[in-house]
Every structure is written in C-alpha cells, then in structure tokens.
Amino acid sequence: MSSVLYDVPGPRAMARNRVLGVLTVLVVLAVLGFFVWRLAATGQFTAQKWSAFTYTNVWINIGQATLRTLAAFATAAVGALVLGFVLAIGRLSDHAWVRVPFTVVIELLRAVPVLIFMFLLYYGFPVIGVRMEPYWAVVIALIAYNGSVLAEVFRAGVESLPRGQKEAGYAIGLRKSGVMRLILLPQAIRAMLPVIIAQLVVTLKDTALGFIITYPELLFYAKFLGSQASIGSPIIPATMVVGAIYIALCLALSGVATLAEKRLRHSPRAVNVAGANQPTQEVTDTELIVAQRGLGKYDGTNTGTGI
C-alpha cells in the first residue's frame, strides 16, 4: 500500500519513528532544562531581578514603548502595502520601459537589509544636510524593504490565477486597469492573504531594530531597564517580558488575519468566484465531432442507426 508522495511505513519504520520522536523530545527538554538551570544558577529568578516590575512607572514606560512599537508598525504596514501594490502593478506592465525599471527597484530594495536602510537614513543623511527623526528612519526603512517583498507576493498571486480570468475581463469590455482592479487583484489578495500576514508579522518584529538608532520602542526600553544597576541589572527578565509582549502582539495580528480570511471565504463574492473556477467536464475532439453530426449519445433522437 502506498500514497501519492511516499510509501506508508511498516511496523519497523513506525517503531523507529516513535523512538526518534521520543529522543527528539528528550533532547529538546534537556536543552530547555539546561537553560533554566543556568538562569536559576545565575540568580535570574531572584526577587531582586524581578523587583523592577513591581513599580508602576516601569509598566507605564513599557506601555508607552509598546505604543511606539505599534505606531511604527501601523505606519510601516500601510506604507508597505501601498508601495507593494504600486511596484507590483509596474512589474506586471506589458511595456518594457515600465516593467524593467520597476523590476530593478524591487530587486534593489529586496537586496538591501533593513538595518542598513536605517543606518543610511539616520546616520548617513545628516552628512548631506538631511536630518531625520528615528521614527521616520525606522518607518521608511521598513516600508522600502517590506513593500518590495509584498510586491513580489502580489505579482505571484496575480500570475497564479487562471488565464481565463483575465480573458473573461477583456471579453466583457474591461480595460487592463479594470481587469486588474476588479478581477485579478481581489482574487490575488484573497489567495495570498496568509503570505501577506506573515510578512506583516515580520514587519512588526523588525521594528525592534529601531533600538540601534535610538528609537525608544520595546527593545530599547528593555535594554535601558536591564542596564540599571540600582535594581540589579535585570537584562534577562526585561528581555523575557518584552519577548512575551512581542509574542502576544504577533498572535493578535495572526488572529485578526485568520478572522479576516474566514470572512472573505464566506462572502458571497468569494463563493461565486470559487464556483466559477471549478473545472468543467472535458469533451474530447471525437465526441465533439460526433455531437456535431448528430450521432451517438449526443444525438437527440439516439436511434442507434447508422448514417
């Protein structure tokens, strides 16, 4: 017995897989136990290390840092989506003089790391007399990089659609802009929504790079709090708290995306599009010829007589 991709494992293979699974779990637990033991041995769980989080001002500052992180993310996410749309439409152009420059811009922005963008905007531009706030350096860098990545996501979504979708739009008299806006892009966004959300999660996490250029977001405040010797320099506890906040934010974003995806799938328009994409019954050339001549099962009389 075999499946499409691989043979079904036999009794010995199943037993071996169980042993490997148990060993993997034990190794992971051992590594986690070692790290917990080292944290305990170095006093990271003592009351002094966590005493900073008993102060109201600390939590107020953490809340403000969280709001700054969300502010940078919100602006960068909207800008990256807009830039991604523009670059994707230019990349899909039929004119080479439009398509080639957009392709070069996309590949250039994708190739440069986000941190280099931030360094260039914050430390490089003042050399030529242009000073920029850390907030805008973070936001513009995130928009440039993630917008170029989303452009490729949108392009892949459009090109993955059946060719008949575009041809049907032209057949009813739509121009290319109308076909792209009314037919292709809505379906491409719906199909690529998980990838889009995954890239937005990356955008949220990349806001942490802003601490290097002194943008006062979560990681910047965690570093500041961990450097305070008066409260025991709680760098690891502060990092653990900030990490938990980042995990909560990413899970919340993923939850909103899952809810939006479910609503889109159950919308009447999505149901109609899904039904239109169902494959129709194929008819061979021989059956078509027989039907045109009025013979066989395609003949309305179906008398069974010859010509």
C-alpha atoms as a PDB file:
ATOM      1  CA  MET A   1       0.000   0.000   0.000  1.00  0.00           C
ATOM      2  CA  SER A   2       1.380   3.402  -0.957  1.00  0.00           C
ATOM      3  CA  SER A   3       0.259   7.019  -1.078  1.00  0.00           C
ATOM      4  CA  VAL A   4       0.929   9.623  -3.720  1.00  0.00           C
ATOM      5  CA  LEU A   5       4.076  11.078  -2.146  1.00  0.00           C
ATOM      6  CA  TYR A   6       5.652   8.256  -0.142  1.00  0.00           C
ATOM      7  CA  ASP A   7       5.223   4.652   0.908  1.00  0.00           C
ATOM      8  CA  VAL A   8       3.271   4.007   4.074  1.00  0.00           C
ATOM      9  CA  PRO A   9       5.783   2.982   6.778  1.00  0.00           C
ATOM     10  CA  GLY A  10       5.667  -0.581   8.008  1.00  0.00           C
ATOM     11  CA  PRO A  11       5.752  -1.768  11.629  1.00  0.00           C
ATOM     12  CA  ARG A  12       9.534  -1.460  11.953  1.00  0.00           C
ATOM     13  CA  ALA A  13       9.580   2.024  10.409  1.00  0.00           C
ATOM     14  CA  MET A  14       6.737   3.153  12.670  1.00  0.00           C
ATOM     15  CA  ALA A  15       8.592   1.868  15.740  1.00  0.00           C
ATOM     16  CA  ARG A  16      11.773   3.626  14.599  1.00  0.00           C
ATOM     17  CA  ASN A  17       9.856   6.879  14.064  1.00  0.00           C
ATOM     18  CA  ARG A  18       8.401   6.638  17.573  1.00  0.00           C
ATOM     19  CA  VAL A  19      11.865   6.125  19.060  1.00  0.00           C
ATOM     20  CA  LEU A  20      13.259   9.090  17.104  1.00  0.00           C
ATOM     21  CA  GLY A  21      10.318  11.240  18.196  1.00  0.00           C
ATOM     22  CA  VAL A  22      10.839  10.371  21.851  1.00  0.00           C
ATOM     23  CA  LEU A  23      14.590  11.037  21.590  1.00  0.00           C
ATOM     24  CA  THR A  24      13.938  14.409  19.932  1.00  0.00           C
ATOM     25  CA  VAL A  25      11.534  15.429  22.693  1.00  0.00           C
ATOM     26  CA  LEU A  26      14.044  14.361  25.341  1.00  0.00           C
ATOM     27  CA  VAL A  27      16.851  16.348  23.703  1.00  0.00           C
ATOM     28  CA  VAL A  28      14.676  19.470  23.466  1.00  0.00           C
ATOM     29  CA  LEU A  29      13.618  19.101  27.111  1.00  0.00           C
ATOM     30  CA  ALA A  30      17.245  18.604  28.136  1.00  0.00           C
ATOM     31  CA  VAL A  31      18.315  21.803  26.330  1.00  0.00           C
ATOM     32  CA  LEU A  32      15.457  23.770  27.878  1.00  0.00           C
ATOM     33  CA  GLY A  33      16.270  22.316  31.296  1.00  0.00           C
ATOM     34  CA  PHE A  34      19.920  23.323  30.922  1.00  0.00           C
ATOM     35  CA  PHE A  35      18.978  26.923  30.115  1.00  0.00           C
ATOM     36  CA  VAL A  36      16.505  27.073  33.018  1.00  0.00           C
ATOM     37  CA  TRP A  37      19.171  25.645  35.339  1.00  0.00           C
ATOM     38  CA  ARG A  38      21.715  28.240  34.182  1.00  0.00           C
ATOM     39  CA  LEU A  39      19.185  31.041  34.684  1.00  0.00           C
ATOM     40  CA  ALA A  40      18.460  29.802  38.197  1.00  0.00           C
ATOM     41  CA  ALA A  41      22.157  29.287  38.981  1.00  0.00           C
ATOM     42  CA  THR A  42      22.998  32.864  37.969  1.00  0.00           C
ATOM     43  CA  GLY A  43      20.168  34.290  40.060  1.00  0.00           C
ATOM     44  CA  GLN A  44      17.891  35.398  37.248  1.00  0.00           C
ATOM     45  CA  PHE A  45      14.796  34.201  39.133  1.00  0.00           C
ATOM     46  CA  THR A  46      15.584  36.006  42.382  1.00  0.00           C
ATOM     47  CA  ALA A  47      13.238  38.666  43.760  1.00  0.00           C
ATOM     48  CA  GLN A  48      15.845  41.391  43.231  1.00  0.00           C
ATOM     49  CA  LYS A  49      15.994  40.736  39.486  1.00  0.00           C
ATOM     50  CA  TRP A  50      12.208  40.983  39.161  1.00  0.00           C
ATOM     51  CA  SER A  51      11.677  43.781  41.655  1.00  0.00           C
ATOM     52  CA  ALA A  52      11.689  46.380  38.875  1.00  0.00           C
ATOM     53  CA  PHE A  53       8.347  45.065  37.642  1.00  0.00           C
ATOM     54  CA  THR A  54       6.686  45.908  40.941  1.00  0.00           C
ATOM     55  CA  TYR A  55       6.919  49.640  40.105  1.00  0.00           C
ATOM     56  CA  THR A  56       4.020  51.318  38.330  1.00  0.00           C
ATOM     57  CA  ASN A  57       6.290  53.661  36.360  1.00  0.00           C
ATOM     58  CA  VAL A  58       8.086  50.695  34.815  1.00  0.00           C
ATOM     59  CA  TRP A  59       4.842  49.309  33.419  1.00  0.00           C
ATOM     60  CA  ILE A  60       3.799  52.775  32.248  1.00  0.00           C
ATOM     61  CA  ASN A  61       7.075  53.077  30.341  1.00  0.00           C
ATOM     62  CA  ILE A  62       6.617  49.565  28.916  1.00  0.00           C
ATOM     63  CA  GLY A  63       3.131  50.574  27.761  1.00  0.00           C
ATOM     64  CA  GLN A  64       4.473  53.713  26.103  1.00  0.00           C
ATOM     65  CA  ALA A  65       7.228  51.726  24.392  1.00  0.00           C
ATOM     66  CA  THR A  66       4.601  49.264  23.164  1.00  0.00           C
ATOM     67  CA  LEU A  67       2.557  52.121  21.715  1.00  0.00           C
ATOM     68  CA  ARG A  68       5.642  53.446  19.922  1.00  0.00           C
ATOM     69  CA  THR A  69       6.278  49.986  18.506  1.00  0.00           C
ATOM     70  CA  LEU A  70       2.681  49.756  17.299  1.00  0.00           C
ATOM     71  CA  ALA A  71       2.824  53.279  15.861  1.00  0.00           C
ATOM     72  CA  ALA A  72       5.885  52.453  13.781  1.00  0.00           C
ATOM     73  CA  PHE A  73       4.368  49.140  12.712  1.00  0.00           C
ATOM     74  CA  ALA A  74       0.997  50.615  11.717  1.00  0.00           C
ATOM     75  CA  THR A  75       2.551  53.317   9.532  1.00  0.00           C
ATOM     76  CA  ALA A  76       5.069  50.898   8.024  1.00  0.00           C
ATOM     77  CA  ALA A  77       2.405  48.255   7.322  1.00  0.00           C
ATOM     78  CA  VAL A  78       0.118  50.684   5.486  1.00  0.00           C
ATOM     79  CA  GLY A  79       3.010  52.171   3.559  1.00  0.00           C
ATOM     80  CA  ALA A  80       4.405  48.759   2.643  1.00  0.00           C
ATOM     81  CA  LEU A  81       1.010  47.598   1.328  1.00  0.00           C
ATOM     82  CA  VAL A  82       0.616  50.732  -0.789  1.00  0.00           C
ATOM     83  CA  LEU A  83       4.180  50.543  -2.099  1.00  0.00           C
ATOM     84  CA  GLY A  84       3.737  46.832  -2.780  1.00  0.00           C
ATOM     85  CA  PHE A  85       0.626  47.494  -4.874  1.00  0.00           C
ATOM     86  CA  VAL A  86       2.367  50.197  -6.903  1.00  0.00           C
ATOM     87  CA  LEU A  87       5.511  48.144  -7.521  1.00  0.00           C
ATOM     88  CA  ALA A  88       3.526  45.016  -8.379  1.00  0.00           C
ATOM     89  CA  ILE A  89       1.384  46.851 -10.940  1.00  0.00           C
ATOM     90  CA  GLY A  90       4.511  48.322 -12.501  1.00  0.00           C
ATOM     91  CA  ARG A  91       6.191  44.902 -12.541  1.00  0.00           C
ATOM     92  CA  LEU A  92       3.150  43.406 -14.325  1.00  0.00           C
ATOM     93  CA  SER A  93       3.104  46.077 -17.028  1.00  0.00           C
ATOM     94  CA  ASP A  94       3.152  44.948 -20.666  1.00  0.00           C
ATOM     95  CA  HIS A  95       5.533  47.804 -21.553  1.00  0.00           C
ATOM     96  CA  ALA A  96       9.210  47.028 -21.058  1.00  0.00           C
ATOM     97  CA  TRP A  97      10.085  50.688 -20.387  1.00  0.00           C
ATOM     98  CA  VAL A  98       7.798  50.500 -17.340  1.00  0.00           C
ATOM     99  CA  ARG A  99       8.389  46.891 -16.273  1.00  0.00           C
ATOM    100  CA  VAL A 100      12.200  46.913 -16.305  1.00  0.00           C
ATOM    101  CA  PRO A 101      12.735  49.955 -14.016  1.00  0.00           C
ATOM    102  CA  PHE A 102      10.163  48.651 -11.540  1.00  0.00           C
ATOM    103  CA  THR A 103      11.877  45.258 -11.561  1.00  0.00           C
ATOM    104  CA  VAL A 104      15.245  46.880 -10.843  1.00  0.00           C
ATOM    105  CA  VAL A 105      13.776  48.893  -7.956  1.00  0.00           C
ATOM    106  CA  ILE A 106      12.131  45.805  -6.444  1.00  0.00           C
ATOM    107  CA  GLU A 107      15.279  43.708  -6.637  1.00  0.00           C
ATOM    108  CA  LEU A 108      17.406  46.548  -5.223  1.00  0.00           C
ATOM    109  CA  LEU A 109      15.107  47.146  -2.259  1.00  0.00           C
ATOM    110  CA  ARG A 110      14.857  43.434  -1.526  1.00  0.00           C
ATOM    111  CA  ALA A 111      18.625  43.003  -1.591  1.00  0.00           C
ATOM    112  CA  VAL A 112      19.466  45.714   0.968  1.00  0.00           C
ATOM    113  CA  PRO A 113      18.981  44.673   4.641  1.00  0.00           C
ATOM    114  CA  VAL A 114      16.562  46.721   6.736  1.00  0.00           C
ATOM    115  CA  LEU A 115      19.267  47.673   9.237  1.00  0.00           C
ATOM    116  CA  ILE A 116      21.434  49.183   6.502  1.00  0.00           C
ATOM    117  CA  PHE A 117      18.448  51.251   5.375  1.00  0.00           C
ATOM    118  CA  MET A 118      18.024  52.558   8.931  1.00  0.00           C
ATOM    119  CA  PHE A 119      21.721  53.365   9.291  1.00  0.00           C
ATOM    120  CA  LEU A 120      21.737  55.183   5.966  1.00  0.00           C
ATOM    121  CA  LEU A 121      18.664  57.252   6.794  1.00  0.00           C
ATOM    122  CA  TYR A 122      19.649  58.118  10.362  1.00  0.00           C
ATOM    123  CA  TYR A 123      23.460  58.355  10.209  1.00  0.00           C
ATOM    124  CA  GLY A 124      24.143  58.852   6.503  1.00  0.00           C
ATOM    125  CA  PHE A 125      21.680  61.563   5.517  1.00  0.00           C
ATOM    126  CA  PRO A 126      22.958  64.102   8.107  1.00  0.00           C
ATOM    127  CA  VAL A 127      26.244  64.070   6.193  1.00  0.00           C
ATOM    128  CA  ILE A 128      24.448  65.685   3.249  1.00  0.00           C
ATOM    129  CA  GLY A 129      22.474  68.037   5.492  1.00  0.00           C
ATOM    130  CA  VAL A 130      19.277  65.999   5.864  1.00  0.00           C
ATOM    131  CA  ARG A 131      18.380  65.086   9.436  1.00  0.00           C
ATOM    132  CA  MET A 132      15.699  62.530  10.154  1.00  0.00           C
ATOM    133  CA  GLU A 133      13.938  61.507  13.336  1.00  0.00           C
ATOM    134  CA  PRO A 134      14.473  57.900  14.468  1.00  0.00           C
ATOM    135  CA  TYR A 135      10.762  57.202  13.985  1.00  0.00           C
ATOM    136  CA  TRP A 136      10.825  58.119  10.304  1.00  0.00           C
ATOM    137  CA  ALA A 137      14.108  56.311   9.716  1.00  0.00           C
ATOM    138  CA  VAL A 138      12.549  53.118  11.096  1.00  0.00           C
ATOM    139  CA  VAL A 139       9.284  53.557   9.192  1.00  0.00           C
ATOM    140  CA  ILE A 140      10.816  54.422   5.819  1.00  0.00           C
ATOM    141  CA  ALA A 141      13.285  51.535   6.035  1.00  0.00           C
ATOM    142  CA  LEU A 142      10.500  49.084   6.868  1.00  0.00           C
ATOM    143  CA  ILE A 143       8.303  50.433   4.061  1.00  0.00           C
ATOM    144  CA  ALA A 144      11.077  50.146   1.480  1.00  0.00           C
ATOM    145  CA  TYR A 145      12.041  46.568   2.310  1.00  0.00           C
ATOM    146  CA  ASN A 146       8.650  45.054   3.095  1.00  0.00           C
ATOM    147  CA  GLY A 147       6.974  46.917   0.232  1.00  0.00           C
ATOM    148  CA  SER A 148       9.354  45.290  -2.249  1.00  0.00           C
ATOM    149  CA  VAL A 149       8.692  41.850  -0.752  1.00  0.00           C
ATOM    150  CA  LEU A 150       4.924  42.371  -0.844  1.00  0.00           C
ATOM    151  CA  ALA A 151       5.205  43.474  -4.478  1.00  0.00           C
ATOM    152  CA  GLU A 152       6.507  40.027  -5.365  1.00  0.00           C
ATOM    153  CA  VAL A 153       3.741  38.449  -3.274  1.00  0.00           C
ATOM    154  CA  PHE A 154       1.054  40.386  -5.173  1.00  0.00           C
ATOM    155  CA  ARG A 155       2.685  39.585  -8.515  1.00  0.00           C
ATOM    156  CA  ALA A 156       2.836  35.880  -7.698  1.00  0.00           C
ATOM    157  CA  GLY A 157      -0.812  35.949  -6.649  1.00  0.00           C
ATOM    158  CA  VAL A 158      -1.909  37.572  -9.894  1.00  0.00           C
ATOM    159  CA  GLU A 159       0.149  35.253 -12.082  1.00  0.00           C
ATOM    160  CA  SER A 160      -1.173  32.177 -10.240  1.00  0.00           C
ATOM    161  CA  LEU A 161      -4.742  32.908 -11.347  1.00  0.00           C
ATOM    162  CA  PRO A 162      -6.174  31.038 -14.351  1.00  0.00           C
ATOM    163  CA  ARG A 163      -5.593  32.787 -17.658  1.00  0.00           C
ATOM    164  CA  GLY A 164      -9.301  32.691 -18.332  1.00  0.00           C
ATOM    165  CA  GLN A 165      -9.941  35.236 -15.568  1.00  0.00           C
ATOM    166  CA  LYS A 166      -8.064  37.928 -17.490  1.00  0.00           C
ATOM    167  CA  GLU A 167      -9.527  36.906 -20.843  1.00  0.00           C
ATOM    168  CA  ALA A 168     -13.052  36.993 -19.442  1.00  0.00           C
ATOM    169  CA  GLY A 169     -12.485  40.549 -18.226  1.00  0.00           C
ATOM    170  CA  TYR A 170     -11.306  41.659 -21.654  1.00  0.00           C
ATOM    171  CA  ALA A 171     -14.233  39.838 -23.268  1.00  0.00           C
ATOM    172  CA  ILE A 172     -16.804  41.932 -21.371  1.00  0.00           C
ATOM    173  CA  GLY A 173     -15.098  45.162 -22.437  1.00  0.00           C
ATOM    174  CA  LEU A 174     -12.875  45.980 -19.444  1.00  0.00           C
ATOM    175  CA  ARG A 175      -9.546  47.688 -19.921  1.00  0.00           C
ATOM    176  CA  LYS A 176      -6.404  46.347 -18.302  1.00  0.00           C
ATOM    177  CA  SER A 177      -6.776  48.677 -15.336  1.00  0.00           C
ATOM    178  CA  GLY A 178     -10.328  47.459 -14.783  1.00  0.00           C
ATOM    179  CA  VAL A 179      -9.326  43.820 -15.145  1.00  0.00           C
ATOM    180  CA  MET A 180      -6.538  44.301 -12.616  1.00  0.00           C
ATOM    181  CA  ARG A 181      -8.653  46.297 -10.146  1.00  0.00           C
ATOM    182  CA  LEU A 182     -11.939  44.386 -10.345  1.00  0.00           C
ATOM    183  CA  ILE A 183     -10.916  40.820 -11.191  1.00  0.00           C
ATOM    184  CA  LEU A 184      -7.269  39.942 -10.628  1.00  0.00           C
ATOM    185  CA  LEU A 185      -6.174  41.868  -7.527  1.00  0.00           C
ATOM    186  CA  PRO A 186      -9.146  40.896  -5.294  1.00  0.00           C
ATOM    187  CA  GLN A 187      -8.580  37.209  -6.034  1.00  0.00           C
ATOM    188  CA  ALA A 188      -4.808  37.507  -5.704  1.00  0.00           C
ATOM    189  CA  ILE A 189      -5.094  39.202  -2.298  1.00  0.00           C
ATOM    190  CA  ARG A 190      -7.509  36.546  -1.091  1.00  0.00           C
ATOM    191  CA  ALA A 191      -5.216  33.759  -2.286  1.00  0.00           C
ATOM    192  CA  MET A 192      -2.027  35.285  -0.874  1.00  0.00           C
ATOM    193  CA  LEU A 193      -3.504  36.598   2.392  1.00  0.00           C
ATOM    194  CA  PRO A 194      -1.551  34.133   4.609  1.00  0.00           C
ATOM    195  CA  VAL A 195       1.724  35.197   2.998  1.00  0.00           C
ATOM    196  CA  ILE A 196       0.799  38.874   3.331  1.00  0.00           C
ATOM    197  CA  ILE A 197       0.034  38.459   7.022  1.00  0.00           C
ATOM    198  CA  ALA A 198       3.286  36.544   7.553  1.00  0.00           C
ATOM    199  CA  GLN A 199       5.216  39.440   6.023  1.00  0.00           C
ATOM    200  CA  LEU A 200       3.363  41.924   8.219  1.00  0.00           C
ATOM    201  CA  VAL A 201       4.386  39.870  11.254  1.00  0.00           C
ATOM    202  CA  VAL A 202       7.981  40.184  10.045  1.00  0.00           C
ATOM    203  CA  THR A 203       7.425  43.943   9.798  1.00  0.00           C
ATOM    204  CA  LEU A 204       6.205  44.042  13.395  1.00  0.00           C
ATOM    205  CA  LYS A 205       9.236  42.146  14.643  1.00  0.00           C
ATOM    206  CA  ASP A 206      11.648  44.250  12.575  1.00  0.00           C
ATOM    207  CA  THR A 207      10.595  47.354  14.487  1.00  0.00           C
ATOM    208  CA  ALA A 208      12.923  46.031  17.211  1.00  0.00           C
ATOM    209  CA  LEU A 209      15.863  47.024  15.003  1.00  0.00           C
ATOM    210  CA  GLY A 210      14.995  50.624  15.750  1.00  0.00           C
ATOM    211  CA  PHE A 211      16.700  50.441  19.149  1.00  0.00           C
ATOM    212  CA  ILE A 212      20.060  50.549  17.337  1.00  0.00           C
ATOM    213  CA  ILE A 213      19.274  54.069  16.078  1.00  0.00           C
ATOM    214  CA  THR A 214      17.841  55.094  19.494  1.00  0.00           C
ATOM    215  CA  TYR A 215      14.170  54.774  18.604  1.00  0.00           C
ATOM    216  CA  PRO A 216      12.500  54.286  22.032  1.00  0.00           C
ATOM    217  CA  GLU A 217      10.493  51.134  21.312  1.00  0.00           C
ATOM    218  CA  LEU A 218      10.177  47.950  23.367  1.00  0.00           C
ATOM    219  CA  LEU A 219      13.658  46.536  22.925  1.00  0.00           C
ATOM    220  CA  PHE A 220      15.246  49.952  23.542  1.00  0.00           C
ATOM    221  CA  TYR A 221      13.458  50.239  26.868  1.00  0.00           C
ATOM    222  CA  ALA A 222      14.323  46.623  27.783  1.00  0.00           C
ATOM    223  CA  LYS A 223      17.997  47.434  27.225  1.00  0.00           C
ATOM    224  CA  PHE A 224      17.680  50.623  29.252  1.00  0.00           C
ATOM    225  CA  LEU A 225      15.921  48.823  32.098  1.00  0.00           C
ATOM    226  CA  GLY A 226      18.446  45.992  32.082  1.00  0.00           C
ATOM    227  CA  SER A 227      21.342  48.417  32.441  1.00  0.00           C
ATOM    228  CA  GLN A 228      20.080  49.900  35.723  1.00  0.00           C
ATOM    229  CA  ALA A 229      22.451  48.645  38.432  1.00  0.00           C
ATOM    230  CA  SER A 230      20.259  50.058  41.187  1.00  0.00           C
ATOM    231  CA  ILE A 231      17.643  47.371  40.530  1.00  0.00           C
ATOM    232  CA  GLY A 232      20.060  44.529  39.870  1.00  0.00           C
ATOM    233  CA  SER A 233      20.577  44.995  36.093  1.00  0.00           C
ATOM    234  CA  PRO A 234      17.615  42.769  35.118  1.00  0.00           C
ATOM    235  CA  ILE A 235      18.539  42.411  31.440  1.00  0.00           C
ATOM    236  CA  ILE A 236      17.252  38.835  31.107  1.00  0.00           C
ATOM    237  CA  PRO A 237      13.952  39.412  32.981  1.00  0.00           C
ATOM    238  CA  ALA A 238      13.348  42.579  30.939  1.00  0.00           C
ATOM    239  CA  THR A 239      14.072  40.695  27.715  1.00  0.00           C
ATOM    240  CA  MET A 240      11.708  37.892  28.745  1.00  0.00           C
ATOM    241  CA  VAL A 241       8.891  40.357  29.466  1.00  0.00           C
ATOM    242  CA  VAL A 242       9.422  42.226  26.194  1.00  0.00           C
ATOM    243  CA  GLY A 243       9.630  38.935  24.292  1.00  0.00           C
ATOM    244  CA  ALA A 244       6.292  37.878  25.764  1.00  0.00           C
ATOM    245  CA  ILE A 245       4.756  41.176  24.624  1.00  0.00           C
ATOM    246  CA  TYR A 246       6.084  40.660  21.086  1.00  0.00           C
ATOM    247  CA  ILE A 247       4.652  37.130  21.036  1.00  0.00           C
ATOM    248  CA  ALA A 248       1.271  38.438  22.204  1.00  0.00           C
ATOM    249  CA  LEU A 249       1.260  41.147  19.508  1.00  0.00           C
ATOM    250  CA  CYS A 250       2.165  38.658  16.763  1.00  0.00           C
ATOM    251  CA  LEU A 251      -0.513  36.210  17.928  1.00  0.00           C
ATOM    252  CA  ALA A 252      -3.085  39.005  17.979  1.00  0.00           C
ATOM    253  CA  LEU A 253      -2.140  40.022  14.438  1.00  0.00           C
ATOM    254  CA  SER A 254      -2.357  36.409  13.261  1.00  0.00           C
ATOM    255  CA  GLY A 255      -5.753  36.040  14.956  1.00  0.00           C
ATOM    256  CA  VAL A 256      -7.124  39.119  13.212  1.00  0.00           C
ATOM    257  CA  ALA A 257      -5.780  37.818   9.898  1.00  0.00           C
ATOM    258  CA  THR A 258      -7.404  34.407  10.431  1.00  0.00           C
ATOM    259  CA  LEU A 259     -10.734  36.055  11.202  1.00  0.00           C
ATOM    260  CA  ALA A 260     -10.487  38.260   8.105  1.00  0.00           C
ATOM    261  CA  GLU A 261      -9.602  35.258   5.949  1.00  0.00           C
ATOM    262  CA  LYS A 262     -12.645  33.324   7.193  1.00  0.00           C
ATOM    263  CA  ARG A 263     -14.936  36.269   6.480  1.00  0.00           C
ATOM    264  CA  LEU A 264     -13.531  36.619   2.984  1.00  0.00           C
ATOM    265  CA  ARG A 265     -14.005  32.924   2.254  1.00  0.00           C
ATOM    266  CA  HIS A 266     -17.639  33.017   3.360  1.00  0.00           C
ATOM    267  CA  SER A 267     -18.503  36.213   1.494  1.00  0.00           C
ATOM    268  CA  PRO A 268     -20.938  35.801  -1.448  1.00  0.00           C
ATOM    269  CA  ARG A 269     -18.425  37.190  -3.920  1.00  0.00           C
ATOM    270  CA  ALA A 270     -15.784  34.667  -2.856  1.00  0.00           C
ATOM    271  CA  VAL A 271     -18.282  31.814  -3.166  1.00  0.00           C
ATOM    272  CA  ASN A 272     -19.246  32.909  -6.678  1.00  0.00           C
ATOM    273  CA  VAL A 273     -15.614  33.162  -7.747  1.00  0.00           C
ATOM    274  CA  ALA A 274     -14.846  29.725  -6.318  1.00  0.00           C
ATOM    275  CA  GLY A 275     -17.763  28.247  -8.182  1.00  0.00           C
ATOM    276  CA  ALA A 276     -16.687  29.894 -11.410  1.00  0.00           C
ATOM    277  CA  ASN A 277     -13.202  28.406 -11.063  1.00  0.00           C
ATOM    278  CA  GLN A 278     -14.482  24.835 -10.835  1.00  0.00           C
ATOM    279  CA  PRO A 279     -13.309  22.780 -13.814  1.00  0.00           C
ATOM    280  CA  THR A 280     -15.943  21.849 -16.343  1.00  0.00           C
ATOM    281  CA  GLN A 281     -16.400  18.403 -17.842  1.00  0.00           C
ATOM    282  CA  GLU A 282     -13.893  17.822 -20.617  1.00  0.00           C
ATOM    283  CA  VAL A 283     -15.131  16.737 -24.056  1.00  0.00           C
ATOM    284  CA  THR A 284     -12.787  15.009 -26.463  1.00  0.00           C
ATOM    285  CA  ASP A 285     -12.463  16.023 -30.117  1.00  0.00           C
ATOM    286  CA  THR A 286     -14.087  12.758 -31.194  1.00  0.00           C
ATOM    287  CA  GLU A 287     -17.131  13.331 -29.006  1.00  0.00           C
ATOM    288  CA  LEU A 288     -17.414  16.887 -30.321  1.00  0.00           C
ATOM    289  CA  ILE A 289     -17.387  15.694 -33.938  1.00  0.00           C
ATOM    290  CA  VAL A 290     -19.959  13.042 -33.162  1.00  0.00           C
ATOM    291  CA  ALA A 291     -22.164  15.635 -31.467  1.00  0.00           C
ATOM    292  CA  GLN A 292     -21.936  17.986 -34.448  1.00  0.00           C
ATOM    293  CA  ARG A 293     -23.002  15.188 -36.808  1.00  0.00           C
ATOM    294  CA  GLY A 294     -25.845  14.136 -34.562  1.00  0.00           C
ATOM    295  CA  LEU A 295     -24.520  10.665 -33.820  1.00  0.00           C
ATOM    296  CA  GLY A 296     -24.095   8.504 -30.732  1.00  0.00           C
ATOM    297  CA  LYS A 297     -25.056   9.642 -27.259  1.00  0.00           C
ATOM    298  CA  TYR A 298     -25.093  13.314 -28.326  1.00  0.00           C
ATOM    299  CA  ASP A 299     -27.870  12.703 -30.852  1.00  0.00           C
ATOM    300  CA  GLY A 300     -31.209  13.938 -29.616  1.00  0.00           C
ATOM    301  CA  THR A 301     -33.062  11.011 -31.235  1.00  0.00           C
ATOM    302  CA  ASN A 302     -30.406   8.417 -30.338  1.00  0.00           C
ATOM    303  CA  THR A 303     -31.990   5.785 -32.594  1.00  0.00           C
ATOM    304  CA  GLY A 304     -28.824   3.794 -32.818  1.00  0.00           C
ATOM    305  CA  THR A 305     -28.964   3.665 -36.653  1.00  0.00           C
ATOM    306  CA  GLY A 306     -26.042   4.479 -38.916  1.00  0.00           C
ATOM    307  CA  ILE A 307     -25.635   7.314 -41.361  1.00  0.00           C
END
